[in-house]
Amino acid sequence: MKRFAQAVMLKDDPEIIRNYEQHHANPWPEVVEGTLRCGVRRVFIYRYGRVLFMFMETTDDFDPERDMPKYKEHPRAQEWDKLMREFQVPFEGAPPGETWVEMKEIYSLEAT
C-alpha cells in the first residue's frame, strides 16, 4: 500500500464546518464508488479547528496524476468536489485551482 497525506483549511464559519462534517457523515454513493475505483483503499479525514488532515492508503501501483481523474468520471463526484470546495480555503502555496496540499511523510513507525 502507498500512503498519502493532504491538508486544507475550512472557511472560518461554524455553520460551514458543521455542514462539511454532516456531508462526510453521509457521503454520496458515487463519491465512495469513484474513490475506490481509482485505487484508494482507505481514507481518514481529521479536523482540528479549521484544519482538515486527510490520510489515504492506496494500491501499490496508484499514481495520483493518472488515477485520481478516474474519481471524477461520474457527474455526481464532480458535483461533490465542487460543493466541498465551497467550504474550503486553500493553504498558501496550493497549486492554482487546487485547495488541498500534499504533505510530505517525515516519520513512520510500524510494528512488525
Protein backbone atom coordinates (compact mmCIF):
# COMPACT_ATOMS: atom_id res chain seq x y z
CA MET A 1 0.00 0.00 0.00
CA LYS A 2 1.05 3.56 -0.68
CA ARG A 3 0.15 6.35 1.76
CA PHE A 4 -0.72 9.95 1.06
CA ALA A 5 -1.47 12.86 3.38
CA GLN A 6 -3.08 16.14 2.44
CA ALA A 7 -4.35 19.21 4.25
CA VAL A 8 -6.79 22.03 3.59
CA MET A 9 -8.46 24.79 5.61
CA LEU A 10 -12.18 25.19 6.10
CA LYS A 11 -13.72 28.64 5.94
CA ASP A 12 -13.96 30.37 9.31
CA ASP A 13 -17.66 29.80 9.86
CA PRO A 14 -19.14 27.30 12.37
CA GLU A 15 -22.11 26.60 10.08
CA ILE A 16 -19.82 25.75 7.16
CA ILE A 17 -17.78 23.44 9.38
CA ARG A 18 -20.97 21.75 10.62
CA ASN A 19 -22.23 21.30 7.05
CA TYR A 20 -18.90 19.88 5.92
CA GLU A 21 -18.95 17.30 8.70
CA GLN A 22 -22.59 16.49 8.02
CA HIS A 23 -21.84 15.80 4.35
CA HIS A 24 -18.97 13.49 5.30
CA ALA A 25 -21.17 11.61 7.77
CA ASN A 26 -23.23 10.52 4.74
CA PRO A 27 -21.13 10.79 1.56
CA TRP A 28 -22.88 10.24 -1.73
CA PRO A 29 -22.54 6.67 -3.05
CA GLU A 30 -20.99 7.90 -6.31
CA VAL A 31 -18.24 9.63 -4.32
CA VAL A 32 -17.40 6.46 -2.41
CA GLU A 33 -17.56 4.40 -5.61
CA GLY A 34 -15.31 6.81 -7.51
CA THR A 35 -12.79 6.92 -4.68
CA LEU A 36 -12.50 3.14 -4.59
CA ARG A 37 -12.49 2.85 -8.41
CA CYS A 38 -9.36 4.97 -8.74
CA GLY A 39 -7.31 2.80 -6.38
CA VAL A 40 -7.84 4.41 -2.99
CA ARG A 41 -8.46 1.71 -0.39
CA ARG A 42 -8.81 3.67 2.86
CA VAL A 43 -9.46 7.34 3.65
CA PHE A 44 -9.40 9.08 7.01
CA ILE A 45 -10.19 12.78 7.47
CA TYR A 46 -9.44 14.52 10.76
CA ARG A 47 -10.30 18.08 11.78
CA TYR A 48 -8.62 20.40 14.25
CA GLY A 49 -10.35 23.76 14.29
CA ARG A 50 -10.45 24.77 10.65
CA VAL A 51 -7.62 22.46 9.54
CA LEU A 52 -8.51 19.22 7.77
CA PHE A 53 -5.97 16.42 7.51
CA MET A 54 -6.67 13.57 5.08
CA PHE A 55 -4.76 10.29 5.14
CA MET A 56 -5.21 7.84 2.26
CA GLU A 57 -3.93 4.36 1.61
CA THR A 58 -3.90 3.23 -2.00
CA THR A 59 -2.91 0.28 -4.12
CA ASP A 60 0.81 -0.16 -4.71
CA ASP A 61 0.55 0.89 -8.35
CA PHE A 62 -1.50 4.03 -7.59
CA ASP A 63 -0.34 7.16 -9.42
CA PRO A 64 -2.26 10.30 -8.36
CA GLU A 65 -1.85 12.06 -11.70
CA ARG A 66 -3.02 9.02 -13.65
CA ASP A 67 -5.61 7.59 -11.26
CA MET A 68 -7.33 10.49 -9.45
CA PRO A 69 -9.09 11.68 -12.64
CA LYS A 70 -10.98 8.34 -12.58
CA TYR A 71 -12.68 9.61 -9.41
CA LYS A 72 -14.35 12.43 -11.33
CA GLU A 73 -15.72 10.24 -14.14
CA HIS A 74 -19.18 10.31 -12.57
CA PRO A 75 -21.02 13.67 -12.68
CA ARG A 76 -22.11 13.30 -9.03
CA ALA A 77 -18.46 13.02 -7.95
CA GLN A 78 -17.75 16.23 -9.85
CA GLU A 79 -20.73 17.86 -8.14
CA TRP A 80 -19.45 16.70 -4.72
CA ASP A 81 -15.99 18.08 -5.41
CA LYS A 82 -17.42 21.45 -6.46
CA LEU A 83 -19.63 21.56 -3.35
CA MET A 84 -16.77 20.67 -0.98
CA ARG A 85 -14.58 23.40 -2.48
CA GLU A 86 -17.21 25.93 -1.39
CA PHE A 87 -16.36 25.05 2.23
CA GLN A 88 -12.59 25.18 1.79
CA VAL A 89 -9.82 27.76 1.72
CA PRO A 90 -6.54 26.67 0.12
CA PHE A 91 -3.34 26.70 2.11
CA GLU A 92 -0.78 29.25 0.99
CA GLY A 93 1.26 27.66 -1.78
CA ALA A 94 -1.50 25.34 -3.02
CA PRO A 95 -1.30 24.71 -6.77
CA PRO A 96 -3.51 27.05 -8.82
CA GLY A 97 -7.09 25.80 -8.86
CA GLU A 98 -6.47 23.33 -6.01
CA THR A 99 -7.46 23.54 -2.37
CA TRP A 100 -5.71 20.51 -0.83
CA VAL A 101 -1.91 20.46 -0.46
CA GLU A 102 0.21 17.32 -0.39
CA MET A 103 2.08 16.67 2.85
CA LYS A 104 5.50 15.03 2.97
CA GLU A 105 5.92 11.98 5.18
CA ILE A 106 8.81 12.59 7.55
CA TYR A 107 8.38 9.78 10.06
CA SER A 108 6.77 6.37 10.25
CA LEU A 109 6.58 3.72 12.97
CA GLU A 110 5.13 0.33 12.23
CA ALA A 111 5.03 -2.71 14.47
CA THR A 112 6.49 -5.85 12.95
